[in-house]
Amino acid sequence: AAGATDDQQPHTEDEVYVILAGRSRFTAGDETRDCGAGDVIFVPALVPHRFHDITEELRVVVVFGPAEGSRAG
């Protein structure tokens, strides 16, 4: 939701985010960018990342590779 806090922790899997709707900023490692509908974001395993400054409710599809929890951490 707009104004929400994303407190996720780094994952042991690579991730791809597909933004279906909404607007926010996204930080992965030392890089921060604006994001919105139509954007695709790749985050390598173990890289700290989060959505922030959410101004419109986000709808996001997340794909983990390999499947979340299947890689030894």
PDB file of N, CA and C in Angstrom:
ATOM      1  N   ALA A   1       0.838  -1.200   0.000  1.00  0.00           N
ATOM      2  CA  ALA A   1       0.000   0.000   0.000  1.00  0.00           C
ATOM      3  C   ALA A   1       0.880   1.259   0.000  1.00  0.00           C
ATOM      4  N   ALA A   2       0.331   2.366  -0.440  1.00  0.00           N
ATOM      5  CA  ALA A   2       1.060   3.635  -0.391  1.00  0.00           C
ATOM      6  C   ALA A   2       1.473   3.916   1.049  1.00  0.00           C
ATOM      7  N   GLY A   3       2.716   4.305   1.235  1.00  0.00           N
ATOM      8  CA  GLY A   3       3.238   4.609   2.559  1.00  0.00           C
ATOM      9  C   GLY A   3       3.681   3.391   3.356  1.00  0.00           C
ATOM     10  N   ALA A   4       3.508   2.191   2.832  1.00  0.00           N
ATOM     11  CA  ALA A   4       3.882   0.967   3.547  1.00  0.00           C
ATOM     12  C   ALA A   4       5.395   0.827   3.642  1.00  0.00           C
ATOM     13  N   THR A   5       5.844  -0.040   4.538  1.00  0.00           N
ATOM     14  CA  THR A   5       7.254  -0.333   4.724  1.00  0.00           C
ATOM     15  C   THR A   5       7.544  -1.738   4.231  1.00  0.00           C
ATOM     16  N   ASP A   6       8.561  -1.878   3.416  1.00  0.00           N
ATOM     17  CA  ASP A   6       9.017  -3.173   2.910  1.00  0.00           C
ATOM     18  C   ASP A   6      10.235  -3.568   3.731  1.00  0.00           C
ATOM     19  N   ASP A   7      10.071  -4.538   4.620  1.00  0.00           N
ATOM     20  CA  ASP A   7      11.163  -4.910   5.519  1.00  0.00           C
ATOM     21  C   ASP A   7      11.770  -6.270   5.169  1.00  0.00           C
ATOM     22  N   GLN A   8      11.689  -6.647   3.894  1.00  0.00           N
ATOM     23  CA  GLN A   8      12.227  -7.954   3.502  1.00  0.00           C
ATOM     24  C   GLN A   8      13.735  -8.021   3.699  1.00  0.00           C
ATOM     25  N   GLN A   9      14.212  -9.236   3.870  1.00  0.00           N
ATOM     26  CA  GLN A   9      15.624  -9.522   4.035  1.00  0.00           C
ATOM     27  C   GLN A   9      16.159 -10.163   2.755  1.00  0.00           C
ATOM     28  N   PRO A  10      17.483 -10.109   2.511  1.00  0.00           N
ATOM     29  CA  PRO A  10      18.034 -10.744   1.316  1.00  0.00           C
ATOM     30  C   PRO A  10      17.685 -12.238   1.269  1.00  0.00           C
ATOM     31  N   HIS A  11      17.526 -12.750   0.064  1.00  0.00           N
ATOM     32  CA  HIS A  11      17.166 -14.141  -0.146  1.00  0.00           C
ATOM     33  C   HIS A  11      18.360 -14.908  -0.683  1.00  0.00           C
ATOM     34  N   THR A  12      18.313 -16.231  -0.564  1.00  0.00           N
ATOM     35  CA  THR A  12      19.401 -17.072  -1.084  1.00  0.00           C
ATOM     36  C   THR A  12      19.191 -17.402  -2.555  1.00  0.00           C
ATOM     37  N   GLU A  13      18.152 -16.834  -3.163  1.00  0.00           N
ATOM     38  CA  GLU A  13      17.849 -17.065  -4.576  1.00  0.00           C
ATOM     39  C   GLU A  13      17.908 -15.748  -5.343  1.00  0.00           C
ATOM     40  N   ASP A  14      18.199 -15.837  -6.644  1.00  0.00           N
ATOM     41  CA  ASP A  14      18.033 -14.679  -7.516  1.00  0.00           C
ATOM     42  C   ASP A  14      16.547 -14.368  -7.602  1.00  0.00           C
ATOM     43  N   GLU A  15      16.214 -13.093  -7.861  1.00  0.00           N
ATOM     44  CA  GLU A  15      14.816 -12.695  -7.970  1.00  0.00           C
ATOM     45  C   GLU A  15      14.606 -11.802  -9.187  1.00  0.00           C
ATOM     46  N   VAL A  16      13.436 -11.923  -9.772  1.00  0.00           N
ATOM     47  CA  VAL A  16      12.987 -11.007 -10.811  1.00  0.00           C
ATOM     48  C   VAL A  16      11.648 -10.454 -10.360  1.00  0.00           C
ATOM     49  N   TYR A  17      11.544  -9.136 -10.314  1.00  0.00           N
ATOM     50  CA  TYR A  17      10.296  -8.459  -9.976  1.00  0.00           C
ATOM     51  C   TYR A  17       9.697  -7.895 -11.261  1.00  0.00           C
ATOM     52  N   VAL A  18       8.418  -8.120 -11.465  1.00  0.00           N
ATOM     53  CA  VAL A  18       7.680  -7.503 -12.568  1.00  0.00           C
ATOM     54  C   VAL A  18       6.635  -6.607 -11.917  1.00  0.00           C
ATOM     55  N   ILE A  19       6.731  -5.303 -12.134  1.00  0.00           N
ATOM     56  CA  ILE A  19       5.803  -4.347 -11.530  1.00  0.00           C
ATOM     57  C   ILE A  19       4.571  -4.254 -12.424  1.00  0.00           C
ATOM     58  N   LEU A  20       3.434  -4.682 -11.893  1.00  0.00           N
ATOM     59  CA  LEU A  20       2.179  -4.642 -12.648  1.00  0.00           C
ATOM     60  C   LEU A  20       1.465  -3.312 -12.488  1.00  0.00           C
ATOM     61  N   ALA A  21       1.563  -2.714 -11.295  1.00  0.00           N
ATOM     62  CA  ALA A  21       0.892  -1.440 -11.016  1.00  0.00           C
ATOM     63  C   ALA A  21       1.574  -0.784  -9.827  1.00  0.00           C
ATOM     64  N   GLY A  22       1.420   0.527  -9.723  1.00  0.00           N
ATOM     65  CA  GLY A  22       1.943   1.273  -8.590  1.00  0.00           C
ATOM     66  C   GLY A  22       3.208   2.032  -8.927  1.00  0.00           C
ATOM     67  N   ARG A  23       3.676   2.798  -7.921  1.00  0.00           N
ATOM     68  CA  ARG A  23       4.908   3.586  -8.090  1.00  0.00           C
ATOM     69  C   ARG A  23       5.644   3.603  -6.755  1.00  0.00           C
ATOM     70  N   SER A  24       6.968   3.517  -6.846  1.00  0.00           N
ATOM     71  CA  SER A  24       7.807   3.607  -5.650  1.00  0.00           C
ATOM     72  C   SER A  24       9.249   3.808  -6.074  1.00  0.00           C
ATOM     73  N   ARG A  25      10.117   3.761  -5.094  1.00  0.00           N
ATOM     74  CA  ARG A  25      11.550   3.691  -5.349  1.00  0.00           C
ATOM     75  C   ARG A  25      11.984   2.298  -4.914  1.00  0.00           C
ATOM     76  N   PHE A  26      13.099   1.835  -5.481  1.00  0.00           N
ATOM     77  CA  PHE A  26      13.608   0.504  -5.176  1.00  0.00           C
ATOM     78  C   PHE A  26      15.109   0.605  -5.014  1.00  0.00           C
ATOM     79  N   THR A  27      15.611   0.042  -3.926  1.00  0.00           N
ATOM     80  CA  THR A  27      17.045   0.017  -3.687  1.00  0.00           C
ATOM     81  C   THR A  27      17.512  -1.422  -3.632  1.00  0.00           C
ATOM     82  N   ALA A  28      18.575  -1.716  -4.385  1.00  0.00           N
ATOM     83  CA  ALA A  28      19.255  -3.011  -4.343  1.00  0.00           C
ATOM     84  C   ALA A  28      20.740  -2.714  -4.232  1.00  0.00           C
ATOM     85  N   GLY A  29      21.347  -3.170  -3.137  1.00  0.00           N
ATOM     86  CA  GLY A  29      22.748  -2.839  -2.898  1.00  0.00           C
ATOM     87  C   GLY A  29      22.910  -1.343  -2.786  1.00  0.00           C
ATOM     88  N   ASP A  30      23.777  -0.758  -3.601  1.00  0.00           N
ATOM     89  CA  ASP A  30      24.044   0.694  -3.570  1.00  0.00           C
ATOM     90  C   ASP A  30      23.273   1.460  -4.630  1.00  0.00           C
ATOM     91  N   GLU A  31      22.379   0.782  -5.372  1.00  0.00           N
ATOM     92  CA  GLU A  31      21.657   1.419  -6.474  1.00  0.00           C
ATOM     93  C   GLU A  31      20.197   1.658  -6.102  1.00  0.00           C
ATOM     94  N   THR A  32      19.723   2.876  -6.337  1.00  0.00           N
ATOM     95  CA  THR A  32      18.326   3.236  -6.087  1.00  0.00           C
ATOM     96  C   THR A  32      17.730   3.763  -7.377  1.00  0.00           C
ATOM     97  N   ARG A  33      16.479   3.362  -7.655  1.00  0.00           N
ATOM     98  CA  ARG A  33      15.810   3.805  -8.885  1.00  0.00           C
ATOM     99  C   ARG A  33      14.320   3.964  -8.627  1.00  0.00           C
ATOM    100  N   ASP A  34      13.679   4.809  -9.448  1.00  0.00           N
ATOM    101  CA  ASP A  34      12.224   4.898  -9.455  1.00  0.00           C
ATOM    102  C   ASP A  34      11.698   3.683 -10.201  1.00  0.00           C
ATOM    103  N   CYS A  35      10.530   3.193  -9.805  1.00  0.00           N
ATOM    104  CA  CYS A  35       9.945   2.082 -10.549  1.00  0.00           C
ATOM    105  C   CYS A  35       8.434   2.233 -10.592  1.00  0.00           C
ATOM    106  N   GLY A  36       7.856   1.632 -11.630  1.00  0.00           N
ATOM    107  CA  GLY A  36       6.411   1.683 -11.823  1.00  0.00           C
ATOM    108  C   GLY A  36       5.973   0.603 -12.781  1.00  0.00           C
ATOM    109  N   ALA A  37       4.692   0.613 -13.106  1.00  0.00           N
ATOM    110  CA  ALA A  37       4.097  -0.406 -13.962  1.00  0.00           C
ATOM    111  C   ALA A  37       4.922  -0.625 -15.228  1.00  0.00           C
ATOM    112  N   GLY A  38       5.192  -1.896 -15.537  1.00  0.00           N
ATOM    113  CA  GLY A  38       5.938  -2.258 -16.722  1.00  0.00           C
ATOM    114  C   GLY A  38       7.420  -2.484 -16.481  1.00  0.00           C
ATOM    115  N   ASP A  39       7.923  -2.060 -15.330  1.00  0.00           N
ATOM    116  CA  ASP A  39       9.345  -2.256 -15.039  1.00  0.00           C
ATOM    117  C   ASP A  39       9.622  -3.696 -14.617  1.00  0.00           C
ATOM    118  N   VAL A  40      10.808  -4.163 -14.966  1.00  0.00           N
ATOM    119  CA  VAL A  40      11.297  -5.482 -14.562  1.00  0.00           C
ATOM    120  C   VAL A  40      12.637  -5.252 -13.867  1.00  0.00           C
ATOM    121  N   ILE A  41      12.793  -5.841 -12.675  1.00  0.00           N
ATOM    122  CA  ILE A  41      13.996  -5.627 -11.871  1.00  0.00           C
ATOM    123  C   ILE A  41      14.599  -6.985 -11.512  1.00  0.00           C
ATOM    124  N   PHE A  42      15.899  -7.143 -11.765  1.00  0.00           N
ATOM    125  CA  PHE A  42      16.621  -8.348 -11.372  1.00  0.00           C
ATOM    126  C   PHE A  42      17.449  -8.050 -10.134  1.00  0.00           C
ATOM    127  N   VAL A  43      17.396  -8.956  -9.137  1.00  0.00           N
ATOM    128  CA  VAL A  43      18.205  -8.815  -7.929  1.00  0.00           C
ATOM    129  C   VAL A  43      18.947 -10.135  -7.710  1.00  0.00           C
ATOM    130  N   PRO A  44      20.277 -10.112  -7.722  1.00  0.00           N
ATOM    131  CA  PRO A  44      21.031 -11.334  -7.459  1.00  0.00           C
ATOM    132  C   PRO A  44      20.829 -11.827  -6.020  1.00  0.00           C
ATOM    133  N   ALA A  45      21.023 -13.102  -5.815  1.00  0.00           N
ATOM    134  CA  ALA A  45      20.923 -13.691  -4.485  1.00  0.00           C
ATOM    135  C   ALA A  45      21.809 -12.944  -3.491  1.00  0.00           C
ATOM    136  N   LEU A  46      21.311 -12.820  -2.266  1.00  0.00           N
ATOM    137  CA  LEU A  46      22.026 -12.259  -1.114  1.00  0.00           C
ATOM    138  C   LEU A  46      22.235 -10.750  -1.151  1.00  0.00           C
ATOM    139  N   VAL A  47      21.732 -10.052  -2.172  1.00  0.00           N
ATOM    140  CA  VAL A  47      21.862  -8.594  -2.233  1.00  0.00           C
ATOM    141  C   VAL A  47      20.711  -7.962  -1.436  1.00  0.00           C
ATOM    142  N   PRO A  48      21.022  -7.095  -0.454  1.00  0.00           N
ATOM    143  CA  PRO A  48      19.959  -6.410   0.283  1.00  0.00           C
ATOM    144  C   PRO A  48      19.132  -5.550  -0.675  1.00  0.00           C
ATOM    145  N   HIS A  49      17.817  -5.579  -0.527  1.00  0.00           N
ATOM    146  CA  HIS A  49      16.947  -4.816  -1.428  1.00  0.00           C
ATOM    147  C   HIS A  49      15.610  -4.560  -0.764  1.00  0.00           C
ATOM    148  N   ARG A  50      14.929  -3.489  -1.253  1.00  0.00           N
ATOM    149  CA  ARG A  50      13.601  -3.174  -0.715  1.00  0.00           C
ATOM    150  C   ARG A  50      12.930  -2.111  -1.569  1.00  0.00           C
ATOM    151  N   PHE A  51      11.605  -2.109  -1.517  1.00  0.00           N
ATOM    152  CA  PHE A  51      10.807  -1.031  -2.081  1.00  0.00           C
ATOM    153  C   PHE A  51      10.637   0.017  -0.985  1.00  0.00           C
ATOM    154  N   HIS A  52      10.620   1.293  -1.349  1.00  0.00           N
ATOM    155  CA  HIS A  52      10.420   2.363  -0.368  1.00  0.00           C
ATOM    156  C   HIS A  52       9.836   3.581  -1.075  1.00  0.00           C
ATOM    157  N   ASP A  53       9.435   4.556  -0.288  1.00  0.00           N
ATOM    158  CA  ASP A  53       8.785   5.753  -0.835  1.00  0.00           C
ATOM    159  C   ASP A  53       7.648   5.340  -1.778  1.00  0.00           C
ATOM    160  N   ILE A  54       6.818   4.412  -1.307  1.00  0.00           N
ATOM    161  CA  ILE A  54       5.711   3.891  -2.118  1.00  0.00           C
ATOM    162  C   ILE A  54       4.615   4.949  -2.169  1.00  0.00           C
ATOM    163  N   THR A  55       4.345   5.446  -3.387  1.00  0.00           N
ATOM    164  CA  THR A  55       3.353   6.514  -3.542  1.00  0.00           C
ATOM    165  C   THR A  55       2.032   6.008  -4.104  1.00  0.00           C
ATOM    166  N   GLU A  56       2.059   4.862  -4.781  1.00  0.00           N
ATOM    167  CA  GLU A  56       0.842   4.213  -5.284  1.00  0.00           C
ATOM    168  C   GLU A  56       0.954   2.731  -4.969  1.00  0.00           C
ATOM    169  N   GLU A  57      -0.142   2.121  -4.548  1.00  0.00           N
ATOM    170  CA  GLU A  57      -0.128   0.705  -4.160  1.00  0.00           C
ATOM    171  C   GLU A  57       0.539  -0.154  -5.229  1.00  0.00           C
ATOM    172  N   LEU A  58       1.513  -0.958  -4.793  1.00  0.00           N
ATOM    173  CA  LEU A  58       2.255  -1.819  -5.711  1.00  0.00           C
ATOM    174  C   LEU A  58       1.554  -3.163  -5.895  1.00  0.00           C
ATOM    175  N   ARG A  59       1.527  -3.629  -7.123  1.00  0.00           N
ATOM    176  CA  ARG A  59       1.161  -5.013  -7.449  1.00  0.00           C
ATOM    177  C   ARG A  59       2.352  -5.566  -8.210  1.00  0.00           C
ATOM    178  N   VAL A  60       2.959  -6.619  -7.650  1.00  0.00           N
ATOM    179  CA  VAL A  60       4.229  -7.115  -8.142  1.00  0.00           C
ATOM    180  C   VAL A  60       4.187  -8.634  -8.266  1.00  0.00           C
ATOM    181  N   VAL A  61       4.739  -9.153  -9.362  1.00  0.00           N
ATOM    182  CA  VAL A  61       4.979 -10.589  -9.498  1.00  0.00           C
ATOM    183  C   VAL A  61       6.456 -10.802  -9.213  1.00  0.00           C
ATOM    184  N   VAL A  62       6.759 -11.782  -8.331  1.00  0.00           N
ATOM    185  CA  VAL A  62       8.147 -12.085  -7.982  1.00  0.00           C
ATOM    186  C   VAL A  62       8.435 -13.518  -8.397  1.00  0.00           C
ATOM    187  N   VAL A  63       9.555 -13.700  -9.105  1.00  0.00           N
ATOM    188  CA  VAL A  63       9.986 -15.029  -9.522  1.00  0.00           C
ATOM    189  C   VAL A  63      11.337 -15.303  -8.882  1.00  0.00           C
ATOM    190  N   PHE A  64      11.445 -16.429  -8.171  1.00  0.00           N
ATOM    191  CA  PHE A  64      12.693 -16.840  -7.543  1.00  0.00           C
ATOM    192  C   PHE A  64      13.365 -17.908  -8.391  1.00  0.00           C
ATOM    193  N   GLY A  65      14.685 -17.868  -8.482  1.00  0.00           N
ATOM    194  CA  GLY A  65      15.396 -18.905  -9.212  1.00  0.00           C
ATOM    195  C   GLY A  65      16.684 -19.268  -8.496  1.00  0.00           C
ATOM    196  N   PRO A  66      16.865 -20.483  -8.106  1.00  0.00           N
ATOM    197  CA  PRO A  66      15.884 -21.562  -8.130  1.00  0.00           C
ATOM    198  C   PRO A  66      14.757 -21.270  -7.155  1.00  0.00           C
ATOM    199  N   ALA A  67      13.822 -22.194  -7.006  1.00  0.00           N
ATOM    200  CA  ALA A  67      12.660 -21.982  -6.135  1.00  0.00           C
ATOM    201  C   ALA A  67      13.105 -21.543  -4.745  1.00  0.00           C
ATOM    202  N   GLU A  68      12.348 -20.598  -4.160  1.00  0.00           N
ATOM    203  CA  GLU A  68      12.686 -20.052  -2.846  1.00  0.00           C
ATOM    204  C   GLU A  68      12.875 -21.169  -1.829  1.00  0.00           C
ATOM    205  N   GLY A  69      13.976 -21.110  -1.106  1.00  0.00           N
ATOM    206  CA  GLY A  69      14.259 -22.074  -0.048  1.00  0.00           C
ATOM    207  C   GLY A  69      14.932 -23.357  -0.524  1.00  0.00           C
ATOM    208  N   SER A  70      15.144 -23.506  -1.837  1.00  0.00           N
ATOM    209  CA  SER A  70      15.732 -24.754  -2.330  1.00  0.00           C
ATOM    210  C   SER A  70      17.252 -24.734  -2.378  1.00  0.00           C
ATOM    211  N   ARG A  71      17.847 -23.556  -2.276  1.00  0.00           N
ATOM    212  CA  ARG A  71      19.303 -23.425  -2.314  1.00  0.00           C
ATOM    213  C   ARG A  71      19.828 -23.362  -0.885  1.00  0.00           C
ATOM    214  N   ALA A  72      20.859 -24.085  -0.580  1.00  0.00           N
ATOM    215  CA  ALA A  72      21.459 -24.062   0.758  1.00  0.00           C
ATOM    216  C   ALA A  72      22.051 -22.679   1.021  1.00  0.00           C
ATOM    217  N   GLY A  73      21.780 -22.109   2.191  1.00  0.00           N
ATOM    218  CA  GLY A  73      22.264 -20.770   2.511  1.00  0.00           C
ATOM    219  C   GLY A  73      23.466 -20.836   3.292  1.00  0.00           C
TER     220      GLY A  73
END
